[in-house]
C-alpha atoms as a PDB file:
ATOM      1  CA  UNK A   1     101.436 127.321  90.520  1.00  0.00           C
ATOM      2  CA  UNK A   2     103.155 123.981  89.427  1.00  0.00           C
ATOM      3  CA  UNK A   3     100.941 122.722  86.210  1.00  0.00           C
ATOM      4  CA  UNK A   4     100.347 119.411  85.181  1.00  0.00           C
ATOM      5  CA  UNK A   5     100.727 119.193  81.420  1.00  0.00           C
ATOM      6  CA  UNK A   6      97.722 116.535  81.373  1.00  0.00           C
ATOM      7  CA  UNK A   7      95.428 119.196  83.374  1.00  0.00           C
ATOM      8  CA  UNK A   8      91.816 118.790  81.568  1.00  0.00           C
ATOM      9  CA  UNK A   9      89.525 119.843  84.130  1.00  0.00           C
ATOM     10  CA  UNK A  10      85.932 118.932  83.394  1.00  0.00           C
ATOM     11  CA  UNK A  11      83.563 116.343  84.285  1.00  0.00           C
ATOM     12  CA  UNK A  12      84.700 112.615  85.955  1.00  0.00           C
ATOM     13  CA  UNK A  13      84.889 111.115  82.680  1.00  0.00           C
ATOM     14  CA  UNK A  14      84.125 107.143  81.459  1.00  0.00           C
ATOM     15  CA  UNK A  15      87.050 104.827  81.433  1.00  0.00           C
ATOM     16  CA  UNK A  16      88.976 103.265  78.886  1.00  0.00           C
ATOM     17  CA  UNK A  17      90.799 100.034  79.448  1.00  0.00           C
ATOM     18  CA  UNK A  18      94.024  99.316  78.052  1.00  0.00           C
ATOM     19  CA  UNK A  19      96.085  95.747  78.027  1.00  0.00           C
ATOM     20  CA  UNK A  20      99.003  96.205  79.789  1.00  0.00           C
ATOM     21  CA  UNK A  21     101.574  94.694  77.252  1.00  0.00           C
ATOM     22  CA  UNK A  22     100.152  97.459  75.053  1.00  0.00           C
ATOM     23  CA  UNK A  23     100.808 100.057  77.315  1.00  0.00           C
ATOM     24  CA  UNK A  24     104.264  98.864  78.013  1.00  0.00           C
ATOM     25  CA  UNK A  25     105.053  98.791  74.254  1.00  0.00           C
ATOM     26  CA  UNK A  26     103.379 102.186  73.633  1.00  0.00           C
ATOM     27  CA  UNK A  27     105.477 103.856  76.313  1.00  0.00           C
ATOM     28  CA  UNK A  28     108.743 102.232  74.955  1.00  0.00           C
ATOM     29  CA  UNK A  29     108.288 103.611  71.484  1.00  0.00           C
ATOM     30  CA  UNK A  30     107.594 107.164  72.964  1.00  0.00           C
ATOM     31  CA  UNK A  31     110.476 107.102  75.009  1.00  0.00           C
ATOM     32  CA  UNK A  32     112.597 105.419  72.305  1.00  0.00           C
ATOM     33  CA  UNK A  33     111.263 108.248  69.776  1.00  0.00           C
ATOM     34  CA  UNK A  34     112.699 110.736  71.970  1.00  0.00           C
ATOM     35  CA  UNK A  35     116.228 109.593  72.474  1.00  0.00           C
ATOM     36  CA  UNK A  36     116.139 106.622  75.229  1.00  0.00           C
ATOM     37  CA  UNK A  37     118.097 103.785  74.261  1.00  0.00           C
ATOM     38  CA  UNK A  38     115.873 100.620  73.945  1.00  0.00           C
ATOM     39  CA  UNK A  39     116.931  98.759  76.815  1.00  0.00           C
ATOM     40  CA  UNK A  40     116.462 101.852  79.358  1.00  0.00           C
ATOM     41  CA  UNK A  41     113.141 102.512  77.652  1.00  0.00           C
ATOM     42  CA  UNK A  42     112.159  98.988  78.706  1.00  0.00           C
ATOM     43  CA  UNK A  43     112.757  99.716  82.246  1.00  0.00           C
ATOM     44  CA  UNK A  44     111.337 102.732  82.322  1.00  0.00           C
ATOM     45  CA  UNK A  45     108.130 101.659  80.604  1.00  0.00           C
ATOM     46  CA  UNK A  46     108.251  98.570  82.881  1.00  0.00           C
ATOM     47  CA  UNK A  47     107.996 100.565  86.233  1.00  0.00           C
ATOM     48  CA  UNK A  48     105.455 103.067  84.946  1.00  0.00           C
ATOM     49  CA  UNK A  49     103.048 100.179  83.922  1.00  0.00           C
ATOM     50  CA  UNK A  50     103.745  98.318  87.297  1.00  0.00           C
ATOM     51  CA  UNK A  51     102.129 101.205  88.957  1.00  0.00           C
ATOM     52  CA  UNK A  52      99.029 101.334  86.930  1.00  0.00           C
ATOM     53  CA  UNK A  53      98.463  97.805  87.408  1.00  0.00           C
ATOM     54  CA  UNK A  54      98.710  97.964  91.429  1.00  0.00           C
ATOM     55  CA  UNK A  55      96.007 100.985  90.981  1.00  0.00           C
ATOM     56  CA  UNK A  56      98.758 103.586  91.639  1.00  0.00           C
ATOM     57  CA  UNK A  57      97.715 105.618  88.576  1.00  0.00           C
ATOM     58  CA  UNK A  58      99.172 108.848  89.869  1.00  0.00           C
ATOM     59  CA  UNK A  59     102.841 107.402  89.177  1.00  0.00           C
ATOM     60  CA  UNK A  60     101.777 105.227  85.767  1.00  0.00           C
ATOM     61  CA  UNK A  61     102.080 106.074  82.042  1.00  0.00           C
ATOM     62  CA  UNK A  62     100.511 109.404  82.469  1.00  0.00           C
ATOM     63  CA  UNK A  63     103.685 110.819  83.934  1.00  0.00           C
ATOM     64  CA  UNK A  64     105.188 110.488  80.500  1.00  0.00           C
ATOM     65  CA  UNK A  65     104.030 114.083  79.097  1.00  0.00           C
ATOM     66  CA  UNK A  66     105.614 115.635  81.834  1.00  0.00           C
ATOM     67  CA  UNK A  67     108.879 113.785  81.469  1.00  0.00           C
ATOM     68  CA  UNK A  68     108.667 114.240  77.930  1.00  0.00           C
ATOM     69  CA  UNK A  69     108.479 117.904  78.550  1.00  0.00           C
ATOM     70  CA  UNK A  70     111.694 117.797  80.950  1.00  0.00           C
ATOM     71  CA  UNK A  71     113.862 115.721  77.932  1.00  0.00           C
ATOM     72  CA  UNK A  72     112.630 118.551  75.395  1.00  0.00           C
ATOM     73  CA  UNK A  73     113.796 120.976  77.397  1.00  0.00           C
ATOM     74  CA  UNK A  74     117.055 119.469  78.203  1.00  0.00           C
ATOM     75  CA  UNK A  75     116.799 119.118  81.750  1.00  0.00           C
ATOM     76  CA  UNK A  76     116.684 115.434  81.594  1.00  0.00           C
ATOM     77  CA  UNK A  77     118.985 113.551  79.893  1.00  0.00           C
ATOM     78  CA  UNK A  78     117.147 110.900  77.833  1.00  0.00           C
ATOM     79  CA  UNK A  79     120.536 109.064  76.601  1.00  0.00           C
ATOM     80  CA  UNK A  80     122.055 108.699  80.072  1.00  0.00           C
ATOM     81  CA  UNK A  81     122.733 105.488  81.758  1.00  0.00           C
ATOM     82  CA  UNK A  82     123.699 105.556  85.414  1.00  0.00           C
ATOM     83  CA  UNK A  83     127.142 104.845  86.737  1.00  0.00           C
ATOM     84  CA  UNK A  84     127.841 102.468  89.802  1.00  0.00           C
ATOM     85  CA  UNK A  85     131.035 103.047  91.924  1.00  0.00           C
ATOM     86  CA  UNK A  86     131.780 100.483  94.822  1.00  0.00           C
ATOM     87  CA  UNK A  87     132.810 101.989  97.983  1.00  0.00           C
ATOM     88  CA  UNK A  88     133.253  99.104 100.150  1.00  0.00           C
ATOM     89  CA  UNK A  89     132.064  95.453 100.018  1.00  0.00           C
ATOM     90  CA  UNK A  90     128.449  96.398 101.090  1.00  0.00           C
ATOM     91  CA  UNK A  91     128.291  99.926 100.034  1.00  0.00           C
ATOM     92  CA  UNK A  92     127.866 101.450  96.459  1.00  0.00           C
ATOM     93  CA  UNK A  93     127.252 104.852  95.090  1.00  0.00           C
ATOM     94  CA  UNK A  94     125.134 105.435  91.788  1.00  0.00           C
ATOM     95  CA  UNK A  95     125.363 108.757  89.792  1.00  0.00           C
ATOM     96  CA  UNK A  96     122.169 109.212  88.028  1.00  0.00           C
ATOM     97  CA  UNK A  97     123.613 111.453  85.585  1.00  0.00           C
ATOM     98  CA  UNK A  98     120.464 113.461  85.118  1.00  0.00           C
ATOM     99  CA  UNK A  99     118.888 110.228  83.539  1.00  0.00           C
ATOM    100  CA  UNK A 100     115.584 108.651  84.167  1.00  0.00           C
ATOM    101  CA  UNK A 101     115.148 108.085  88.168  1.00  0.00           C
ATOM    102  CA  UNK A 102     113.788 104.608  87.152  1.00  0.00           C
ATOM    103  CA  UNK A 103     117.469 103.426  85.846  1.00  0.00           C
ATOM    104  CA  UNK A 104     119.232 104.817  88.806  1.00  0.00           C
ATOM    105  CA  UNK A 105     117.515 103.380  91.250  1.00  0.00           C
ATOM    106  CA  UNK A 106     117.175 100.009  89.209  1.00  0.00           C
ATOM    107  CA  UNK A 107     120.902  99.761  88.891  1.00  0.00           C
ATOM    108  CA  UNK A 108     121.467 100.835  92.519  1.00  0.00           C
ATOM    109  CA  UNK A 109     118.879  97.945  94.115  1.00  0.00           C
ATOM    110  CA  UNK A 110     120.593  95.464  91.638  1.00  0.00           C
ATOM    111  CA  UNK A 111     123.791  96.307  92.958  1.00  0.00           C
ATOM    112  CA  UNK A 112     122.424  96.124  96.870  1.00  0.00           C
ATOM    113  CA  UNK A 113     120.776  92.896  96.085  1.00  0.00           C
ATOM    114  CA  UNK A 114     124.232  91.308  94.741  1.00  0.00           C
ATOM    115  CA  UNK A 115     125.976  92.719  97.769  1.00  0.00           C
ATOM    116  CA  UNK A 116     123.424  91.117 100.004  1.00  0.00           C
ATOM    117  CA  UNK A 117     123.782  88.138  98.402  1.00  0.00           C
ATOM    118  CA  UNK A 118     127.094  87.711  99.200  1.00  0.00           C
ATOM    119  CA  UNK A 119     127.569  89.768 102.631  1.00  0.00           C
ATOM    120  CA  UNK A 120     123.810  89.672 104.069  1.00  0.00           C
ATOM    121  CA  UNK A 121     123.677  93.582 103.553  1.00  0.00           C
ATOM    122  CA  UNK A 122     123.986  95.832 100.776  1.00  0.00           C
ATOM    123  CA  UNK A 123     123.124  99.549 100.234  1.00  0.00           C
ATOM    124  CA  UNK A 124     123.264 102.076  97.817  1.00  0.00           C
ATOM    125  CA  UNK A 125     123.177 105.820  97.827  1.00  0.00           C
ATOM    126  CA  UNK A 126     121.846 107.268  94.878  1.00  0.00           C
ATOM    127  CA  UNK A 127     122.937 111.007  93.348  1.00  0.00           C
ATOM    128  CA  UNK A 128     121.714 113.268  90.512  1.00  0.00           C
ATOM    129  CA  UNK A 129     118.408 111.224  89.777  1.00  0.00           C
ATOM    130  CA  UNK A 130     114.963 112.276  88.736  1.00  0.00           C
ATOM    131  CA  UNK A 131     111.581 111.195  89.674  1.00  0.00           C
ATOM    132  CA  UNK A 132     111.168 107.355  89.847  1.00  0.00           C
ATOM    133  CA  UNK A 133     107.636 106.755  90.414  1.00  0.00           C
ATOM    134  CA  UNK A 134     106.188 104.290  92.488  1.00  0.00           C
ATOM    135  CA  UNK A 135     108.551 103.249  95.168  1.00  0.00           C
ATOM    136  CA  UNK A 136     106.890  99.649  95.415  1.00  0.00           C
ATOM    137  CA  UNK A 137     108.405  98.646  91.956  1.00  0.00           C
ATOM    138  CA  UNK A 138     111.804  98.572  93.566  1.00  0.00           C
ATOM    139  CA  UNK A 139     110.394  96.890  97.093  1.00  0.00           C
ATOM    140  CA  UNK A 140     109.202  94.469  94.217  1.00  0.00           C
ATOM    141  CA  UNK A 141     112.807  94.282  92.403  1.00  0.00           C
ATOM    142  CA  UNK A 142     114.331  93.351  95.794  1.00  0.00           C
ATOM    143  CA  UNK A 143     111.144  90.728  96.478  1.00  0.00           C
ATOM    144  CA  UNK A 144     112.406  89.119  93.371  1.00  0.00           C
ATOM    145  CA  UNK A 145     115.695  88.258  94.135  1.00  0.00           C
ATOM    146  CA  UNK A 146     114.658  86.928  97.678  1.00  0.00           C
ATOM    147  CA  UNK A 147     115.389  90.246  99.445  1.00  0.00           C
ATOM    148  CA  UNK A 148     114.153  92.337 102.036  1.00  0.00           C
ATOM    149  CA  UNK A 149     114.671  96.145 101.332  1.00  0.00           C
ATOM    150  CA  UNK A 150     114.186  99.718 102.600  1.00  0.00           C
ATOM    151  CA  UNK A 151     113.735 102.247  99.934  1.00  0.00           C
ATOM    152  CA  UNK A 152     113.986 106.066 100.481  1.00  0.00           C
ATOM    153  CA  UNK A 153     113.890 109.119  98.257  1.00  0.00           C
ATOM    154  CA  UNK A 154     113.562 112.918  98.428  1.00  0.00           C
ATOM    155  CA  UNK A 155     111.568 115.371  96.220  1.00  0.00           C
ATOM    156  CA  UNK A 156     110.415 118.619  95.390  1.00  0.00           C
ATOM    157  CA  UNK A 157     109.032 120.737  98.140  1.00  0.00           C
ATOM    158  CA  UNK A 158     104.911 120.359  98.657  1.00  0.00           C
ATOM    159  CA  UNK A 159     104.957 120.130 102.740  1.00  0.00           C
ATOM    160  CA  UNK A 160     105.550 122.825 105.466  1.00  0.00           C
ATOM    161  CA  UNK A 161     107.416 121.868 108.594  1.00  0.00           C
ATOM    162  CA  UNK A 162     105.320 121.025 111.363  1.00  0.00           C
ATOM    163  CA  UNK A 163     104.139 124.626 112.361  1.00  0.00           C
ATOM    164  CA  UNK A 164     105.611 126.449 109.323  1.00  0.00           C
ATOM    165  CA  UNK A 165     103.574 127.597 106.284  1.00  0.00           C
ATOM    166  CA  UNK A 166     105.857 127.431 103.464  1.00  0.00           C
ATOM    167  CA  UNK A 167     106.823 124.491 100.831  1.00  0.00           C
ATOM    168  CA  UNK A 168     109.989 123.088 102.483  1.00  0.00           C
ATOM    169  CA  UNK A 169     109.751 119.382 102.393  1.00  0.00           C
ATOM    170  CA  UNK A 170     109.138 116.988  99.954  1.00  0.00           C
ATOM    171  CA  UNK A 171     106.307 114.383  99.982  1.00  0.00           C
ATOM    172  CA  UNK A 172     108.846 111.522 100.131  1.00  0.00           C
ATOM    173  CA  UNK A 173     107.547 107.989 100.439  1.00  0.00           C
ATOM    174  CA  UNK A 174     108.927 105.701 102.680  1.00  0.00           C
ATOM    175  CA  UNK A 175     109.021 102.067 101.407  1.00  0.00           C
ATOM    176  CA  UNK A 176     110.005  98.677 102.467  1.00  0.00           C
ATOM    177  CA  UNK A 177     109.146  94.796 102.085  1.00  0.00           C
ATOM    178  CA  UNK A 178     109.803  91.491 102.936  1.00  0.00           C
ATOM    179  CA  UNK A 179     109.141  88.082 101.340  1.00  0.00           C
ATOM    180  CA  UNK A 180     106.202  85.670 102.241  1.00  0.00           C
ATOM    181  CA  UNK A 181     105.949  82.218 102.103  1.00  0.00           C
ATOM    182  CA  UNK A 182     102.497  81.120 100.829  1.00  0.00           C
ATOM    183  CA  UNK A 183     100.833  84.140 101.642  1.00  0.00           C
ATOM    184  CA  UNK A 184     101.393  87.350  99.987  1.00  0.00           C
ATOM    185  CA  UNK A 185     104.653  89.482 100.977  1.00  0.00           C
ATOM    186  CA  UNK A 186     104.843  92.607 103.033  1.00  0.00           C
ATOM    187  CA  UNK A 187     105.080  95.871 100.904  1.00  0.00           C
ATOM    188  CA  UNK A 188     105.046  99.313 102.381  1.00  0.00           C
ATOM    189  CA  UNK A 189     104.860 102.198 100.171  1.00  0.00           C
ATOM    190  CA  UNK A 190     103.483 105.731 101.806  1.00  0.00           C
ATOM    191  CA  UNK A 191     104.184 109.110 101.610  1.00  0.00           C
ATOM    192  CA  UNK A 192     104.501 111.192 104.928  1.00  0.00           C
ATOM    193  CA  UNK A 193     101.682 113.392 103.591  1.00  0.00           C
ATOM    194  CA  UNK A 194      97.604 112.885 104.173  1.00  0.00           C
ATOM    195  CA  UNK A 195      97.677 111.902 100.369  1.00  0.00           C
ATOM    196  CA  UNK A 196     100.290 111.480  97.480  1.00  0.00           C
ATOM    197  CA  UNK A 197     100.510 114.952  95.645  1.00  0.00           C
ATOM    198  CA  UNK A 198      99.997 112.762  92.480  1.00  0.00           C
ATOM    199  CA  UNK A 199      96.546 112.231  93.655  1.00  0.00           C
ATOM    200  CA  UNK A 200      96.021 116.005  93.354  1.00  0.00           C
ATOM    201  CA  UNK A 201      97.356 116.279  89.931  1.00  0.00           C
ATOM    202  CA  UNK A 202      95.411 113.469  88.972  1.00  0.00           C
ATOM    203  CA  UNK A 203      92.235 114.794  90.610  1.00  0.00           C
ATOM    204  CA  UNK A 204      92.719 117.956  88.490  1.00  0.00           C
ATOM    205  CA  UNK A 205      93.412 116.100  85.339  1.00  0.00           C
ATOM    206  CA  UNK A 206      90.197 114.206  85.869  1.00  0.00           C
ATOM    207  CA  UNK A 207      88.341 117.265  87.034  1.00  0.00           C
ATOM    208  CA  UNK A 208      87.428 115.610  90.164  1.00  0.00           C
ATOM    209  CA  UNK A 209      87.581 117.322  93.459  1.00  0.00           C
ATOM    210  CA  UNK A 210      89.926 116.156  96.652  1.00  0.00           C
ATOM    211  CA  UNK A 211      88.920 115.723 100.287  1.00  0.00           C
ATOM    212  CA  UNK A 212      89.162 118.651 102.565  1.00  0.00           C
ATOM    213  CA  UNK A 213      91.902 117.268 104.573  1.00  0.00           C
ATOM    214  CA  UNK A 214      94.415 116.951 102.240  1.00  0.00           C
ATOM    215  CA  UNK A 215      95.627 120.292 101.655  1.00  0.00           C
ATOM    216  CA  UNK A 216      95.235 124.373 102.028  1.00  0.00           C
ATOM    217  CA  UNK A 217      94.829 126.831  99.435  1.00  0.00           C
ATOM    218  CA  UNK A 218      97.164 129.915  99.265  1.00  0.00           C
ATOM    219  CA  UNK A 219      95.534 131.650 102.220  1.00  0.00           C
ATOM    220  CA  UNK A 220      96.153 128.592 104.717  1.00  0.00           C
ATOM    221  CA  UNK A 221      92.288 127.429 104.067  1.00  0.00           C
ATOM    222  CA  UNK A 222      91.038 123.573 103.907  1.00  0.00           C
ATOM    223  CA  UNK A 223      90.184 123.076  99.928  1.00  0.00           C
ATOM    224  CA  UNK A 224      88.327 120.643  97.532  1.00  0.00           C
ATOM    225  CA  UNK A 225      90.006 122.425  94.589  1.00  0.00           C
ATOM    226  CA  UNK A 226      92.963 120.569  93.250  1.00  0.00           C
ATOM    227  CA  UNK A 227      94.305 123.489  91.370  1.00  0.00           C
ATOM    228  CA  UNK A 228      93.970 125.716  94.718  1.00  0.00           C
ATOM    229  CA  UNK A 229      95.323 123.061  96.783  1.00  0.00           C
ATOM    230  CA  UNK A 230      98.643 123.181  94.158  1.00  0.00           C
ATOM    231  CA  UNK A 231      99.169 126.846  94.868  1.00  0.00           C
ATOM    232  CA  UNK A 232      98.668 125.983  98.754  1.00  0.00           C
ATOM    233  CA  UNK A 233     100.585 123.296 100.626  1.00  0.00           C
ATOM    234  CA  UNK A 234      99.889 119.662 101.327  1.00  0.00           C
ATOM    235  CA  UNK A 235      99.300 118.639 104.789  1.00  0.00           C
ATOM    236  CA  UNK A 236     101.916 116.345 106.710  1.00  0.00           C
ATOM    237  CA  UNK A 237      99.995 113.112 108.231  1.00  0.00           C
ATOM    238  CA  UNK A 238     100.057 112.901 112.008  1.00  0.00           C
ATOM    239  CA  UNK A 239     101.326 116.453 112.303  1.00  0.00           C
ATOM    240  CA  UNK A 240     104.778 116.556 113.732  1.00  0.00           C
ATOM    241  CA  UNK A 241     105.181 112.905 112.893  1.00  0.00           C
ATOM    242  CA  UNK A 242     104.761 113.244 109.349  1.00  0.00           C
ATOM    243  CA  UNK A 243     106.892 116.375 108.969  1.00  0.00           C
ATOM    244  CA  UNK A 244     109.531 114.472 110.855  1.00  0.00           C
ATOM    245  CA  UNK A 245     109.627 111.541 108.567  1.00  0.00           C
ATOM    246  CA  UNK A 246     109.583 114.342 105.377  1.00  0.00           C
ATOM    247  CA  UNK A 247     112.980 115.416 107.090  1.00  0.00           C
ATOM    248  CA  UNK A 248     114.432 111.834 107.593  1.00  0.00           C
ATOM    249  CA  UNK A 249     113.662 111.236 103.988  1.00  0.00           C
ATOM    250  CA  UNK A 250     115.481 114.341 103.144  1.00  0.00           C
ATOM    251  CA  UNK A 251     118.792 113.467 105.479  1.00  0.00           C
ATOM    252  CA  UNK A 252     119.172 109.791 103.789  1.00  0.00           C
ATOM    253  CA  UNK A 253     118.288 110.468 100.263  1.00  0.00           C
ATOM    254  CA  UNK A 254     119.594 114.335  99.969  1.00  0.00           C
ATOM    255  CA  UNK A 255     122.063 114.667 102.762  1.00  0.00           C
ATOM    256  CA  UNK A 256     123.436 111.736 102.431  1.00  0.00           C
ATOM    257  CA  UNK A 257     124.061 111.006  98.613  1.00  0.00           C
ATOM    258  CA  UNK A 258     125.230 114.967  98.037  1.00  0.00           C
ATOM    259  CA  UNK A 259     121.855 115.550  95.987  1.00  0.00           C
ATOM    260  CA  UNK A 260     119.864 118.461  96.263  1.00  0.00           C
ATOM    261  CA  UNK A 261     117.934 118.927  99.794  1.00  0.00           C
ATOM    262  CA  UNK A 262     116.251 121.486 101.931  1.00  0.00           C
ATOM    263  CA  UNK A 263     113.774 122.401  99.229  1.00  0.00           C
ATOM    264  CA  UNK A 264     116.380 122.369  96.508  1.00  0.00           C
ATOM    265  CA  UNK A 265     114.869 119.269  94.528  1.00  0.00           C
ATOM    266  CA  UNK A 266     112.869 120.866  91.480  1.00  0.00           C
ATOM    267  CA  UNK A 267     109.601 119.468  90.601  1.00  0.00           C
ATOM    268  CA  UNK A 268     109.024 116.784  88.106  1.00  0.00           C
ATOM    269  CA  UNK A 269     106.169 118.820  86.172  1.00  0.00           C
ATOM    270  CA  UNK A 270     108.758 121.594  86.168  1.00  0.00           C
ATOM    271  CA  UNK A 271     110.612 121.618  82.995  1.00  0.00           C
ATOM    272  CA  UNK A 272     113.012 124.578  83.755  1.00  0.00           C
ATOM    273  CA  UNK A 273     116.047 122.704  85.479  1.00  0.00           C
ATOM    274  CA  UNK A 274     117.423 119.292  86.602  1.00  0.00           C
ATOM    275  CA  UNK A 275     115.625 117.685  89.460  1.00  0.00           C
ATOM    276  CA  UNK A 276     118.690 116.383  91.429  1.00  0.00           C
ATOM    277  CA  UNK A 277     117.041 113.862  93.288  1.00  0.00           C
ATOM    278  CA  UNK A 278     118.530 111.463  95.705  1.00  0.00           C
ATOM    279  CA  UNK A 279     117.417 107.905  96.776  1.00  0.00           C
ATOM    280  CA  UNK A 280     118.807 105.416  99.687  1.00  0.00           C
ATOM    281  CA  UNK A 281     118.307 102.060  98.775  1.00  0.00           C
ATOM    282  CA  UNK A 282     119.016  98.911 101.243  1.00  0.00           C
ATOM    283  CA  UNK A 283     118.730  95.203 100.745  1.00  0.00           C
ATOM    284  CA  UNK A 284     118.667  92.495 103.651  1.00  0.00           C
ATOM    285  CA  UNK A 285     119.058  89.124 103.094  1.00  0.00           C
ATOM    286  CA  UNK A 286     116.060  87.136 105.056  1.00  0.00           C
ATOM    287  CA  UNK A 287     117.947  84.370 106.343  1.00  0.00           C
ATOM    288  CA  UNK A 288     120.639  85.758 108.361  1.00  0.00           C
ATOM    289  CA  UNK A 289     119.414  84.758 111.830  1.00  0.00           C
ATOM    290  CA  UNK A 290     117.472  81.451 110.834  1.00  0.00           C
ATOM    291  CA  UNK A 291     116.959  79.279 107.674  1.00  0.00           C
ATOM    292  CA  UNK A 292     115.053  80.771 104.811  1.00  0.00           C
ATOM    293  CA  UNK A 293     111.800  78.102 105.367  1.00  0.00           C
ATOM    294  CA  UNK A 294     111.618  79.619 109.338  1.00  0.00           C
ATOM    295  CA  UNK A 295     111.781  83.187 107.946  1.00  0.00           C
ATOM    296  CA  UNK A 296     108.931  82.503 105.328  1.00  0.00           C
ATOM    297  CA  UNK A 297     106.723  80.520 107.879  1.00  0.00           C
ATOM    298  CA  UNK A 298     107.108  83.082 110.558  1.00  0.00           C
ATOM    299  CA  UNK A 299     106.031  85.911 107.829  1.00  0.00           C
ATOM    300  CA  UNK A 300     102.907  83.813 107.082  1.00  0.00           C
ATOM    301  CA  UNK A 301     102.162  83.503 110.423  1.00  0.00           C
ATOM    302  CA  UNK A 302     102.300  87.654 110.781  1.00  0.00           C
ATOM    303  CA  UNK A 303     100.118  87.236 107.631  1.00  0.00           C
ATOM    304  CA  UNK A 304      97.596  85.297 109.074  1.00  0.00           C
ATOM    305  CA  UNK A 305      97.732  86.978 112.240  1.00  0.00           C
ATOM    306  CA  UNK A 306      97.000  90.126 110.787  1.00  0.00           C
ATOM    307  CA  UNK A 307      94.211  89.469 108.291  1.00  0.00           C
ATOM    308  CA  UNK A 308      92.674  87.203 110.473  1.00  0.00           C
ATOM    309  CA  UNK A 309      92.593  89.379 113.599  1.00  0.00           C
ATOM    310  CA  UNK A 310      89.270  90.803 115.194  1.00  0.00           C
ATOM    311  CA  UNK A 311      87.686  93.242 112.826  1.00  0.00           C
ATOM    312  CA  UNK A 312      86.168  96.674 114.042  1.00  0.00           C
ATOM    313  CA  UNK A 313      82.545  97.344 113.656  1.00  0.00           C
ATOM    314  CA  UNK A 314      81.687  97.407 109.556  1.00  0.00           C
ATOM    315  CA  UNK A 315      84.765  95.989 108.311  1.00  0.00           C
ATOM    316  CA  UNK A 316      84.237  93.112 105.962  1.00  0.00           C
ATOM    317  CA  UNK A 317      87.947  92.527 105.650  1.00  0.00           C
ATOM    318  CA  UNK A 318      91.471  93.155 107.114  1.00  0.00           C
ATOM    319  CA  UNK A 319      94.150  93.617 104.456  1.00  0.00           C
ATOM    320  CA  UNK A 320      98.001  93.017 104.886  1.00  0.00           C
ATOM    321  CA  UNK A 321     100.307  96.079 103.863  1.00  0.00           C
ATOM    322  CA  UNK A 322     100.511  95.984 100.106  1.00  0.00           C
ATOM    323  CA  UNK A 323      97.946  93.470  99.447  1.00  0.00           C
ATOM    324  CA  UNK A 324      94.851  95.616  97.799  1.00  0.00           C
ATOM    325  CA  UNK A 325      97.250  96.717  95.254  1.00  0.00           C
ATOM    326  CA  UNK A 326      98.376  93.290  94.412  1.00  0.00           C
ATOM    327  CA  UNK A 327      94.811  92.242  94.316  1.00  0.00           C
ATOM    328  CA  UNK A 328      94.459  95.490  92.222  1.00  0.00           C
ATOM    329  CA  UNK A 329      97.184  94.266  89.740  1.00  0.00           C
ATOM    330  CA  UNK A 330      95.560  90.738  89.496  1.00  0.00           C
ATOM    331  CA  UNK A 331      92.259  92.425  88.827  1.00  0.00           C
ATOM    332  CA  UNK A 332      94.060  94.879  85.846  1.00  0.00           C
ATOM    333  CA  UNK A 333      96.044  92.226  84.201  1.00  0.00           C
ATOM    334  CA  UNK A 334      92.708  90.463  83.765  1.00  0.00           C
ATOM    335  CA  UNK A 335      90.559  93.274  82.690  1.00  0.00           C
ATOM    336  CA  UNK A 336      92.976  96.194  81.506  1.00  0.00           C
ATOM    337  CA  UNK A 337      94.088  99.277  83.056  1.00  0.00           C
ATOM    338  CA  UNK A 338      91.628 101.978  83.101  1.00  0.00           C
ATOM    339  CA  UNK A 339      92.627 105.512  81.818  1.00  0.00           C
ATOM    340  CA  UNK A 340      90.002 108.494  80.862  1.00  0.00           C
ATOM    341  CA  UNK A 341      90.047 109.969  77.364  1.00  0.00           C
ATOM    342  CA  UNK A 342      91.984 113.214  78.489  1.00  0.00           C
ATOM    343  CA  UNK A 343      94.621 111.139  79.469  1.00  0.00           C
ATOM    344  CA  UNK A 344      94.751 108.807  76.303  1.00  0.00           C
ATOM    345  CA  UNK A 345      94.496 112.127  74.174  1.00  0.00           C
ATOM    346  CA  UNK A 346      97.553 113.495  76.023  1.00  0.00           C
ATOM    347  CA  UNK A 347      99.227 110.205  75.677  1.00  0.00           C
ATOM    348  CA  UNK A 348      98.683 109.817  72.035  1.00  0.00           C
ATOM    349  CA  UNK A 349      99.747 113.752  71.463  1.00  0.00           C
ATOM    350  CA  UNK A 350     103.376 112.567  72.783  1.00  0.00           C
ATOM    351  CA  UNK A 351     103.178 109.103  70.187  1.00  0.00           C
ATOM    352  CA  UNK A 352     102.417 112.093  67.506  1.00  0.00           C
ATOM    353  CA  UNK A 353     105.320 114.103  68.241  1.00  0.00           C
ATOM    354  CA  UNK A 354     107.821 110.900  67.609  1.00  0.00           C
ATOM    355  CA  UNK A 355     105.580 109.406  64.704  1.00  0.00           C
ATOM    356  CA  UNK A 356     104.739 106.550  67.320  1.00  0.00           C
ATOM    357  CA  UNK A 357     101.548 104.447  66.508  1.00  0.00           C
ATOM    358  CA  UNK A 358      98.367 105.543  69.172  1.00  0.00           C
ATOM    359  CA  UNK A 359      97.619 103.957  72.025  1.00  0.00           C
ATOM    360  CA  UNK A 360      95.254 101.220  71.165  1.00  0.00           C
ATOM    361  CA  UNK A 361      92.260 101.050  73.642  1.00  0.00           C
ATOM    362  CA  UNK A 362      90.376  97.552  74.344  1.00  0.00           C
ATOM    363  CA  UNK A 363      87.059  97.391  72.531  1.00  0.00           C
END
């Protein structure tokens, strides 16, 4: 089974809150202590904290122990920076050089946005990369540049193909976004499985059960035990539809880039060999067919129609895609990011290994 180094089975634990700047600084110190250049460490830490702020705790700073295990085992190059090679005026190739996926993806999206600013469209294919955490941070990077975006990546085997029984496809997220006007932007970040695999690792780490419709155990039976789920297979959402989306991610991210594909990506919790992940990133200038003001106004109208549409019985509020996470971000900026003691202990162990200060928890 794929072990999570942060695993600490037991009862659900009370939450300890950490200020976002403290989490950012803490992670940067661990990264630089492991040989990551300071500018690169700032990017990686910001992406991890962004996930925690949005409530995507499965892709936040609790990933640090598994990343550092890969660095210590020599299968992830802490010192590497990506290289960007232009292919055409609107296409670039990024070689992650087996460094942090955050760096390769950030460079790819930055280049895609720069090309789109001039030509209306920019795309980057990324090879020899690693796990880049929550896809929504790349969508936000494009939004901050005023761009629409598509974000694809492949990942290690976790899902069977529809009708199959073996792990072959990754729980590879599809993400996209578009800027709004006065209202919140559109941010979609979803996995082709019923639940992201990181949620199972999180449940195991926190000693919690999972819903019975998330995964099957090694005997093909529904299970609420996260450890048993990781020995079996995740379930694709919508049956053949989720399976096909996972294959699509492999086509655009793995086959096209020259990275691993067809079950060849190594799990980020497996410190035995490089992951060789591929990504595919697209930035689109939103005012290609109308003025930017008109585009933003139309997005605002769409937002208002969605959230103001008739509610089903028992529904108090309808949310735009990405809105719940944005509201969570606003709340956590005020109250701090919640962790459990087991997570804080695992993170502090990483700090001790490089002589960095321990994580400061709010009193």
